[in-house]
Amino acid sequence: MQNNESDLLSVERQFFSALIRNQIALDDLMADDSLLIDVLSGSEVTKSELLDVLKSGQLRFEDIEPLNSRVRFYNGTAIVTGSTKMTGHFGKYQFSVHSKYTHVYVKAVHGWQLVSAQGTQMSGREVNSNSWMVVHCSPVV
């Protein structure tokens, strides 16, 4: 099986874009049993829970800026590690987060699908001086 890093990174960009704009694409990019670990709370989030909270508008991503990424392939599985800056709203709270992440994709019949994602907030010590504040959560007025 041939693995192409640029193809996988394209799927990764589609995933981030779908979080912001297109839940239908997100549904196709994620396996039905996908499990995410929330970057802010550490809680487990299923695919259906994520889609529901996005569709309801309770969670809105305004921007997700991938800063870097690294791809490794293992027999039909791809692991992407990287970092992002994300801004958005959860309920009445605005957030901005600088995080590191791991995404696990499997090669399915119709292409790569996300099966697992873990995000970790970066503390101020891990962010260089050119970066923005790590996490701000404040009520929207």
C-alpha atoms as a PDB file:
ATOM      1  CA  MET A   1       0.000   0.000   0.000  1.00  0.00           C
ATOM      2  CA  GLN A   2       1.457   3.330  -1.058  1.00  0.00           C
ATOM      3  CA  ASN A   3       1.211   6.143   1.471  1.00  0.00           C
ATOM      4  CA  ASN A   4       1.432   9.741   0.396  1.00  0.00           C
ATOM      5  CA  GLU A   5       2.166  12.359   3.037  1.00  0.00           C
ATOM      6  CA  SER A   6       0.700  15.199   0.977  1.00  0.00           C
ATOM      7  CA  ASP A   7      -2.600  13.278   0.541  1.00  0.00           C
ATOM      8  CA  LEU A   8      -2.848  12.711   4.286  1.00  0.00           C
ATOM      9  CA  LEU A   9      -2.016  16.351   5.075  1.00  0.00           C
ATOM     10  CA  SER A  10      -4.763  17.369   2.642  1.00  0.00           C
ATOM     11  CA  VAL A  11      -7.233  15.240   4.628  1.00  0.00           C
ATOM     12  CA  GLU A  12      -5.925  16.866   7.806  1.00  0.00           C
ATOM     13  CA  ARG A  13      -6.595  20.354   6.358  1.00  0.00           C
ATOM     14  CA  GLN A  14     -10.080  19.192   5.306  1.00  0.00           C
ATOM     15  CA  PHE A  15     -10.727  18.033   8.880  1.00  0.00           C
ATOM     16  CA  PHE A  16      -9.770  21.407  10.381  1.00  0.00           C
ATOM     17  CA  SER A  17     -11.801  23.247   7.743  1.00  0.00           C
ATOM     18  CA  ALA A  18     -14.825  20.994   8.375  1.00  0.00           C
ATOM     19  CA  LEU A  19     -14.705  21.812  12.098  1.00  0.00           C
ATOM     20  CA  ILE A  20     -15.209  25.454  11.162  1.00  0.00           C
ATOM     21  CA  ARG A  21     -17.587  25.271   8.194  1.00  0.00           C
ATOM     22  CA  ASN A  22     -18.953  21.947   7.111  1.00  0.00           C
ATOM     23  CA  GLN A  23     -20.278  19.276   9.445  1.00  0.00           C
ATOM     24  CA  ILE A  24     -21.315  17.091   6.475  1.00  0.00           C
ATOM     25  CA  ALA A  25     -17.682  16.810   5.376  1.00  0.00           C
ATOM     26  CA  LEU A  26     -16.710  16.170   8.997  1.00  0.00           C
ATOM     27  CA  ASP A  27     -19.130  13.242   9.114  1.00  0.00           C
ATOM     28  CA  ASP A  28     -17.392  11.702   6.076  1.00  0.00           C
ATOM     29  CA  LEU A  29     -13.866  12.335   7.385  1.00  0.00           C
ATOM     30  CA  MET A  30     -14.467  10.605  10.730  1.00  0.00           C
ATOM     31  CA  ALA A  31     -15.032   6.889  11.323  1.00  0.00           C
ATOM     32  CA  ASP A  32     -18.358   6.128  13.002  1.00  0.00           C
ATOM     33  CA  ASP A  33     -16.587   5.019  16.186  1.00  0.00           C
ATOM     34  CA  SER A  34     -14.166   7.977  16.285  1.00  0.00           C
ATOM     35  CA  LEU A  35     -13.184   9.131  19.746  1.00  0.00           C
ATOM     36  CA  LEU A  36     -11.698  12.531  20.573  1.00  0.00           C
ATOM     37  CA  ILE A  37     -10.159  13.758  23.809  1.00  0.00           C
ATOM     38  CA  ASP A  38     -11.194  17.372  24.418  1.00  0.00           C
ATOM     39  CA  VAL A  39      -8.242  19.789  24.551  1.00  0.00           C
ATOM     40  CA  LEU A  40      -9.841  21.939  27.280  1.00  0.00           C
ATOM     41  CA  SER A  41     -11.486  19.385  29.581  1.00  0.00           C
ATOM     42  CA  GLY A  42      -9.784  16.078  28.803  1.00  0.00           C
ATOM     43  CA  SER A  43     -13.188  14.431  28.411  1.00  0.00           C
ATOM     44  CA  GLU A  44     -13.963  11.775  25.800  1.00  0.00           C
ATOM     45  CA  VAL A  45     -16.111  12.977  22.913  1.00  0.00           C
ATOM     46  CA  THR A  46     -17.696  10.613  20.392  1.00  0.00           C
ATOM     47  CA  LYS A  47     -18.248  11.511  16.757  1.00  0.00           C
ATOM     48  CA  SER A  48     -22.001  11.872  17.289  1.00  0.00           C
ATOM     49  CA  GLU A  49     -21.479  14.108  20.342  1.00  0.00           C
ATOM     50  CA  LEU A  50     -19.104  16.342  18.378  1.00  0.00           C
ATOM     51  CA  LEU A  51     -21.465  16.607  15.419  1.00  0.00           C
ATOM     52  CA  ASP A  52     -24.404  17.382  17.735  1.00  0.00           C
ATOM     53  CA  VAL A  53     -22.611  20.183  19.598  1.00  0.00           C
ATOM     54  CA  LEU A  54     -21.427  21.709  16.309  1.00  0.00           C
ATOM     55  CA  LYS A  55     -24.870  21.472  14.675  1.00  0.00           C
ATOM     56  CA  SER A  56     -26.529  23.050  17.723  1.00  0.00           C
ATOM     57  CA  GLY A  57     -24.105  25.976  17.591  1.00  0.00           C
ATOM     58  CA  GLN A  58     -23.029  25.389  21.192  1.00  0.00           C
ATOM     59  CA  LEU A  59     -19.474  24.885  19.892  1.00  0.00           C
ATOM     60  CA  ARG A  60     -18.215  27.180  17.130  1.00  0.00           C
ATOM     61  CA  PHE A  61     -14.672  27.292  15.852  1.00  0.00           C
ATOM     62  CA  GLU A  62     -13.788  30.660  14.353  1.00  0.00           C
ATOM     63  CA  ASP A  63     -10.248  29.793  13.292  1.00  0.00           C
ATOM     64  CA  ILE A  64      -7.923  26.810  13.439  1.00  0.00           C
ATOM     65  CA  GLU A  65      -4.374  27.565  12.381  1.00  0.00           C
ATOM     66  CA  PRO A  66      -2.161  24.503  11.953  1.00  0.00           C
ATOM     67  CA  LEU A  67       1.373  25.515  12.927  1.00  0.00           C
ATOM     68  CA  ASN A  68       3.277  22.352  12.077  1.00  0.00           C
ATOM     69  CA  SER A  69       2.698  18.662  11.531  1.00  0.00           C
ATOM     70  CA  ARG A  70       4.541  15.393  11.185  1.00  0.00           C
ATOM     71  CA  VAL A  71       3.134  12.253   9.533  1.00  0.00           C
ATOM     72  CA  ARG A  72       4.138   8.651  10.142  1.00  0.00           C
ATOM     73  CA  PHE A  73       2.654   5.592   8.392  1.00  0.00           C
ATOM     74  CA  TYR A  74       2.172   2.060   9.763  1.00  0.00           C
ATOM     75  CA  ASN A  75       0.397  -0.608   7.657  1.00  0.00           C
ATOM     76  CA  GLY A  76      -2.746   1.300   6.692  1.00  0.00           C
ATOM     77  CA  THR A  77      -2.576   3.628   9.677  1.00  0.00           C
ATOM     78  CA  ALA A  78      -1.264   7.183   9.759  1.00  0.00           C
ATOM     79  CA  ILE A  79      -0.356   9.179  12.850  1.00  0.00           C
ATOM     80  CA  VAL A  80      -0.217  12.956  12.572  1.00  0.00           C
ATOM     81  CA  THR A  81       1.305  15.032  15.359  1.00  0.00           C
ATOM     82  CA  GLY A  82       1.347  18.791  15.300  1.00  0.00           C
ATOM     83  CA  SER A  83       0.301  22.021  16.930  1.00  0.00           C
ATOM     84  CA  THR A  84      -2.476  24.527  16.321  1.00  0.00           C
ATOM     85  CA  LYS A  85      -3.900  27.829  17.430  1.00  0.00           C
ATOM     86  CA  MET A  86      -7.693  27.673  17.769  1.00  0.00           C
ATOM     87  CA  THR A  87     -10.292  30.304  18.558  1.00  0.00           C
ATOM     88  CA  GLY A  88     -14.025  29.993  18.971  1.00  0.00           C
ATOM     89  CA  HIS A  89     -16.974  29.893  21.347  1.00  0.00           C
ATOM     90  CA  PHE A  90     -18.368  27.220  23.620  1.00  0.00           C
ATOM     91  CA  GLY A  91     -21.765  28.314  24.834  1.00  0.00           C
ATOM     92  CA  LYS A  92     -21.385  31.893  26.036  1.00  0.00           C
ATOM     93  CA  TYR A  93     -17.626  31.547  26.516  1.00  0.00           C
ATOM     94  CA  GLN A  94     -15.012  32.596  24.008  1.00  0.00           C
ATOM     95  CA  PHE A  95     -11.808  30.539  23.880  1.00  0.00           C
ATOM     96  CA  SER A  96      -8.368  30.710  22.356  1.00  0.00           C
ATOM     97  CA  VAL A  97      -6.063  27.736  22.711  1.00  0.00           C
ATOM     98  CA  HIS A  98      -2.565  26.876  21.587  1.00  0.00           C
ATOM     99  CA  SER A  99      -2.311  23.087  21.584  1.00  0.00           C
ATOM    100  CA  LYS A 100      -0.350  20.053  20.502  1.00  0.00           C
ATOM    101  CA  TYR A 101      -2.309  17.168  19.046  1.00  0.00           C
ATOM    102  CA  THR A 102      -2.158  13.591  17.833  1.00  0.00           C
ATOM    103  CA  HIS A 103      -4.574  12.389  15.158  1.00  0.00           C
ATOM    104  CA  VAL A 104      -4.825   8.735  14.136  1.00  0.00           C
ATOM    105  CA  TYR A 105      -6.192   7.896  10.673  1.00  0.00           C
ATOM    106  CA  VAL A 106      -6.911   4.518   9.080  1.00  0.00           C
ATOM    107  CA  LYS A 107      -7.063   3.820   5.366  1.00  0.00           C
ATOM    108  CA  ALA A 108     -10.686   2.925   4.612  1.00  0.00           C
ATOM    109  CA  VAL A 109     -12.345   1.950   1.325  1.00  0.00           C
ATOM    110  CA  HIS A 110     -13.116   5.589   0.470  1.00  0.00           C
ATOM    111  CA  GLY A 111      -9.882   7.119   1.798  1.00  0.00           C
ATOM    112  CA  TRP A 112      -8.395   8.142   5.124  1.00  0.00           C
ATOM    113  CA  GLN A 113     -10.706   8.401   8.138  1.00  0.00           C
ATOM    114  CA  LEU A 114      -9.968   9.891  11.553  1.00  0.00           C
ATOM    115  CA  VAL A 115     -10.414   7.283  14.301  1.00  0.00           C
ATOM    116  CA  SER A 116      -8.839   9.048  17.281  1.00  0.00           C
ATOM    117  CA  ALA A 117      -7.711  12.539  18.284  1.00  0.00           C
ATOM    118  CA  GLN A 118      -6.041  13.870  21.421  1.00  0.00           C
ATOM    119  CA  GLY A 119      -5.339  17.538  22.107  1.00  0.00           C
ATOM    120  CA  THR A 120      -3.198  18.981  24.881  1.00  0.00           C
ATOM    121  CA  GLN A 121      -3.049  22.640  25.889  1.00  0.00           C
ATOM    122  CA  MET A 122       0.403  24.129  25.781  1.00  0.00           C
ATOM    123  CA  SER A 123       1.464  26.086  28.841  1.00  0.00           C
ATOM    124  CA  GLY A 124       3.113  29.479  28.575  1.00  0.00           C
ATOM    125  CA  ARG A 125       6.549  27.909  29.076  1.00  0.00           C
ATOM    126  CA  GLU A 126       6.098  25.799  25.917  1.00  0.00           C
ATOM    127  CA  VAL A 127       5.026  28.689  23.710  1.00  0.00           C
ATOM    128  CA  ASN A 128       7.700  30.868  22.176  1.00  0.00           C
ATOM    129  CA  SER A 129       7.651  34.623  22.622  1.00  0.00           C
ATOM    130  CA  ASN A 130       6.138  35.154  19.151  1.00  0.00           C
ATOM    131  CA  SER A 131       2.991  33.208  20.061  1.00  0.00           C
ATOM    132  CA  TRP A 132      -0.248  34.547  21.448  1.00  0.00           C
ATOM    133  CA  MET A 133      -1.645  33.781  24.895  1.00  0.00           C
ATOM    134  CA  VAL A 134      -2.203  30.106  25.462  1.00  0.00           C
ATOM    135  CA  VAL A 135      -5.758  29.913  26.815  1.00  0.00           C
ATOM    136  CA  HIS A 136      -8.328  32.596  27.471  1.00  0.00           C
ATOM    137  CA  CYS A 137     -11.897  31.759  28.322  1.00  0.00           C
ATOM    138  CA  SER A 138     -14.197  34.651  29.020  1.00  0.00           C
ATOM    139  CA  PRO A 139     -17.924  35.271  28.777  1.00  0.00           C
ATOM    140  CA  VAL A 140     -19.067  36.912  25.591  1.00  0.00           C
ATOM    141  CA  VAL A 141     -20.815  40.175  26.384  1.00  0.00           C
END
